[in-house]
Amino acid sequence: MLGMIQPLNGLRNAETQFTQAANNVVRAALPTPPGQDSVDLSTAAVSMLQARNSFEANVKVAKTADDLDKTLLNMIG
């Protein structure tokens, strides 16, 4: 079970990154007041893709840790 801490933290971080990028995309659709920077959609899209890739990688790590735990328990068993 200790092997799950790192991927769970990674999943949480990926969720946060994705949410922030999605909020940036939503703000891009809103009119910007004069003198205020608009959101760069390409940066937000790249951030969303990075979050997705991070999420997928952390899911794979969690599955591998689970498989290792199952194998260990079967060996002890």
N, C-alpha and C. Protein backbone atom coordinates (compact mmCIF):
# COMPACT_ATOMS: atom_id res chain seq x y z
N MET A 1 0.80 -1.20 0.00
CA MET A 1 0.00 0.00 0.00
C MET A 1 0.85 1.27 0.00
N LEU A 2 2.06 1.19 0.54
CA LEU A 2 2.91 2.37 0.56
C LEU A 2 3.28 2.82 -0.85
N GLY A 3 3.29 1.89 -1.78
CA GLY A 3 3.62 2.23 -3.16
C GLY A 3 2.55 3.05 -3.86
N MET A 4 1.43 3.26 -3.21
CA MET A 4 0.32 4.00 -3.82
C MET A 4 0.37 5.49 -3.50
N ILE A 5 1.17 5.89 -2.52
CA ILE A 5 1.18 7.29 -2.11
C ILE A 5 1.66 8.19 -3.25
N GLN A 6 2.73 7.82 -3.88
CA GLN A 6 3.31 8.64 -4.95
C GLN A 6 2.36 8.78 -6.15
N PRO A 7 1.81 7.69 -6.67
CA PRO A 7 0.90 7.88 -7.81
C PRO A 7 -0.38 8.64 -7.44
N LEU A 8 -0.86 8.47 -6.22
CA LEU A 8 -2.06 9.22 -5.82
C LEU A 8 -1.77 10.71 -5.74
N ASN A 9 -0.60 11.07 -5.23
CA ASN A 9 -0.21 12.49 -5.24
C ASN A 9 -0.07 13.00 -6.67
N GLY A 10 0.48 12.18 -7.54
CA GLY A 10 0.61 12.56 -8.94
C GLY A 10 -0.75 12.76 -9.61
N LEU A 11 -1.70 11.89 -9.28
CA LEU A 11 -3.06 12.04 -9.83
C LEU A 11 -3.69 13.34 -9.34
N ARG A 12 -3.49 13.66 -8.08
CA ARG A 12 -4.03 14.89 -7.53
C ARG A 12 -3.41 16.11 -8.22
N ASN A 13 -2.10 16.06 -8.43
CA ASN A 13 -1.42 17.17 -9.12
C ASN A 13 -1.90 17.31 -10.56
N ALA A 14 -2.09 16.19 -11.24
CA ALA A 14 -2.58 16.23 -12.62
C ALA A 14 -3.98 16.81 -12.68
N GLU A 15 -4.81 16.45 -11.70
CA GLU A 15 -6.17 17.00 -11.66
C GLU A 15 -6.13 18.52 -11.46
N THR A 16 -5.27 18.97 -10.57
CA THR A 16 -5.14 20.41 -10.33
C THR A 16 -4.68 21.14 -11.58
N GLN A 17 -3.67 20.58 -12.25
CA GLN A 17 -3.14 21.20 -13.47
C GLN A 17 -4.22 21.26 -14.55
N PHE A 18 -4.97 20.18 -14.70
CA PHE A 18 -6.01 20.13 -15.72
C PHE A 18 -7.12 21.15 -15.41
N THR A 19 -7.51 21.23 -14.15
CA THR A 19 -8.55 22.17 -13.76
C THR A 19 -8.14 23.61 -14.01
N GLN A 20 -6.90 23.93 -13.69
CA GLN A 20 -6.41 25.28 -13.93
C GLN A 20 -6.39 25.60 -15.42
N ALA A 21 -5.94 24.65 -16.23
CA ALA A 21 -5.91 24.87 -17.67
C ALA A 21 -7.33 25.01 -18.23
N ALA A 22 -8.25 24.19 -17.74
CA ALA A 22 -9.64 24.29 -18.20
C ALA A 22 -10.24 25.64 -17.82
N ASN A 23 -9.94 26.11 -16.63
CA ASN A 23 -10.42 27.44 -16.22
C ASN A 23 -9.85 28.53 -17.12
N ASN A 24 -8.60 28.37 -17.54
CA ASN A 24 -7.99 29.35 -18.46
C ASN A 24 -8.71 29.36 -19.80
N VAL A 25 -9.10 28.19 -20.26
CA VAL A 25 -9.82 28.11 -21.53
C VAL A 25 -11.18 28.80 -21.41
N VAL A 26 -11.85 28.59 -20.30
CA VAL A 26 -13.14 29.24 -20.08
C VAL A 26 -12.97 30.76 -20.03
N ARG A 27 -11.92 31.21 -19.35
CA ARG A 27 -11.69 32.66 -19.28
C ARG A 27 -11.39 33.24 -20.66
N ALA A 28 -10.84 32.43 -21.54
CA ALA A 28 -10.53 32.92 -22.89
C ALA A 28 -11.81 33.27 -23.66
N ALA A 29 -12.90 32.62 -23.31
CA ALA A 29 -14.16 32.88 -24.00
C ALA A 29 -14.83 34.16 -23.50
N LEU A 30 -14.40 34.63 -22.34
CA LEU A 30 -14.99 35.84 -21.78
C LEU A 30 -14.29 37.08 -22.32
N PRO A 31 -15.00 38.17 -22.46
CA PRO A 31 -14.34 39.40 -22.93
C PRO A 31 -13.35 39.90 -21.87
N THR A 32 -12.19 40.37 -22.33
CA THR A 32 -11.18 40.86 -21.40
C THR A 32 -11.26 42.37 -21.27
N PRO A 33 -11.13 42.87 -20.06
CA PRO A 33 -11.14 44.32 -19.87
C PRO A 33 -9.92 44.95 -20.55
N PRO A 34 -10.02 46.19 -20.95
CA PRO A 34 -8.88 46.85 -21.59
C PRO A 34 -7.66 46.86 -20.66
N GLY A 35 -6.52 46.58 -21.24
CA GLY A 35 -5.27 46.59 -20.49
C GLY A 35 -4.97 45.30 -19.76
N GLN A 36 -5.82 44.29 -19.88
CA GLN A 36 -5.58 43.02 -19.21
C GLN A 36 -5.23 41.97 -20.26
N ASP A 37 -4.27 41.10 -19.92
CA ASP A 37 -3.83 40.07 -20.86
C ASP A 37 -4.93 39.04 -21.06
N SER A 38 -5.04 38.55 -22.28
CA SER A 38 -5.97 37.46 -22.56
C SER A 38 -5.24 36.13 -22.36
N VAL A 39 -5.99 35.07 -22.30
CA VAL A 39 -5.43 33.74 -22.08
C VAL A 39 -4.88 33.20 -23.40
N ASP A 40 -3.72 32.59 -23.32
CA ASP A 40 -3.12 31.97 -24.49
C ASP A 40 -3.67 30.54 -24.60
N LEU A 41 -4.52 30.30 -25.60
CA LEU A 41 -5.16 28.99 -25.73
C LEU A 41 -4.17 27.87 -26.01
N SER A 42 -3.11 28.16 -26.76
CA SER A 42 -2.15 27.10 -27.05
C SER A 42 -1.43 26.66 -25.78
N THR A 43 -1.13 27.60 -24.89
CA THR A 43 -0.50 27.25 -23.62
C THR A 43 -1.45 26.42 -22.76
N ALA A 44 -2.72 26.80 -22.74
CA ALA A 44 -3.71 26.05 -21.97
C ALA A 44 -3.89 24.65 -22.54
N ALA A 45 -3.89 24.51 -23.86
CA ALA A 45 -4.05 23.19 -24.48
C ALA A 45 -2.86 22.30 -24.16
N VAL A 46 -1.66 22.85 -24.23
CA VAL A 46 -0.46 22.07 -23.90
C VAL A 46 -0.52 21.63 -22.44
N SER A 47 -0.94 22.52 -21.56
CA SER A 47 -1.04 22.18 -20.15
C SER A 47 -2.05 21.07 -19.91
N MET A 48 -3.16 21.11 -20.64
CA MET A 48 -4.16 20.05 -20.51
C MET A 48 -3.62 18.72 -21.00
N LEU A 49 -2.87 18.73 -22.09
CA LEU A 49 -2.26 17.49 -22.59
C LEU A 49 -1.22 16.95 -21.61
N GLN A 50 -0.43 17.83 -21.02
CA GLN A 50 0.55 17.40 -20.02
C GLN A 50 -0.15 16.78 -18.82
N ALA A 51 -1.24 17.38 -18.39
CA ALA A 51 -2.00 16.85 -17.27
C ALA A 51 -2.55 15.46 -17.60
N ARG A 52 -3.07 15.31 -18.80
CA ARG A 52 -3.59 14.01 -19.22
C ARG A 52 -2.50 12.95 -19.23
N ASN A 53 -1.33 13.30 -19.79
CA ASN A 53 -0.22 12.35 -19.84
C ASN A 53 0.26 11.99 -18.44
N SER A 54 0.32 12.97 -17.57
CA SER A 54 0.72 12.73 -16.19
C SER A 54 -0.29 11.82 -15.49
N PHE A 55 -1.56 12.08 -15.72
CA PHE A 55 -2.61 11.25 -15.13
C PHE A 55 -2.47 9.80 -15.58
N GLU A 56 -2.31 9.60 -16.89
CA GLU A 56 -2.17 8.25 -17.44
C GLU A 56 -0.94 7.54 -16.87
N ALA A 57 0.17 8.26 -16.76
CA ALA A 57 1.40 7.65 -16.23
C ALA A 57 1.21 7.25 -14.77
N ASN A 58 0.55 8.09 -13.99
CA ASN A 58 0.34 7.77 -12.59
C ASN A 58 -0.64 6.62 -12.40
N VAL A 59 -1.61 6.50 -13.29
CA VAL A 59 -2.52 5.35 -13.23
C VAL A 59 -1.73 4.06 -13.49
N LYS A 60 -0.82 4.09 -14.45
CA LYS A 60 0.00 2.91 -14.74
C LYS A 60 0.88 2.55 -13.55
N VAL A 61 1.45 3.55 -12.89
CA VAL A 61 2.26 3.29 -11.70
C VAL A 61 1.41 2.67 -10.61
N ALA A 62 0.21 3.20 -10.40
CA ALA A 62 -0.68 2.65 -9.38
C ALA A 62 -1.06 1.20 -9.69
N LYS A 63 -1.34 0.90 -10.97
CA LYS A 63 -1.67 -0.48 -11.35
C LYS A 63 -0.49 -1.40 -11.12
N THR A 64 0.72 -0.94 -11.44
CA THR A 64 1.91 -1.76 -11.23
C THR A 64 2.13 -2.00 -9.75
N ALA A 65 1.97 -0.98 -8.92
CA ALA A 65 2.12 -1.15 -7.47
C ALA A 65 1.09 -2.14 -6.94
N ASP A 66 -0.13 -2.07 -7.46
CA ASP A 66 -1.18 -3.00 -7.04
C ASP A 66 -0.81 -4.42 -7.44
N ASP A 67 -0.30 -4.60 -8.65
CA ASP A 67 0.12 -5.93 -9.11
C ASP A 67 1.25 -6.47 -8.24
N LEU A 68 2.19 -5.61 -7.88
CA LEU A 68 3.29 -6.04 -7.02
C LEU A 68 2.79 -6.44 -5.64
N ASP A 69 1.84 -5.67 -5.09
CA ASP A 69 1.26 -6.03 -3.80
C ASP A 69 0.55 -7.38 -3.87
N LYS A 70 -0.21 -7.61 -4.94
CA LYS A 70 -0.91 -8.89 -5.10
C LYS A 70 0.08 -10.04 -5.19
N THR A 71 1.14 -9.86 -5.96
CA THR A 71 2.16 -10.90 -6.11
C THR A 71 2.82 -11.21 -4.77
N LEU A 72 3.15 -10.16 -4.04
CA LEU A 72 3.77 -10.36 -2.72
C LEU A 72 2.85 -11.09 -1.77
N LEU A 73 1.57 -10.70 -1.75
CA LEU A 73 0.61 -11.38 -0.88
C LEU A 73 0.42 -12.84 -1.29
N ASN A 74 0.43 -13.13 -2.57
CA ASN A 74 0.30 -14.51 -3.03
C ASN A 74 1.52 -15.34 -2.65
N MET A 75 2.69 -14.72 -2.66
CA MET A 75 3.92 -15.43 -2.27
C MET A 75 3.93 -15.72 -0.77
N ILE A 76 3.42 -14.79 0.02
CA ILE A 76 3.38 -14.96 1.47
C ILE A 76 2.31 -15.96 1.85
N GLY A 77 1.21 -15.88 1.17
CA GLY A 77 0.09 -16.54 1.34
C GLY A 77 -0.73 -17.51 1.80
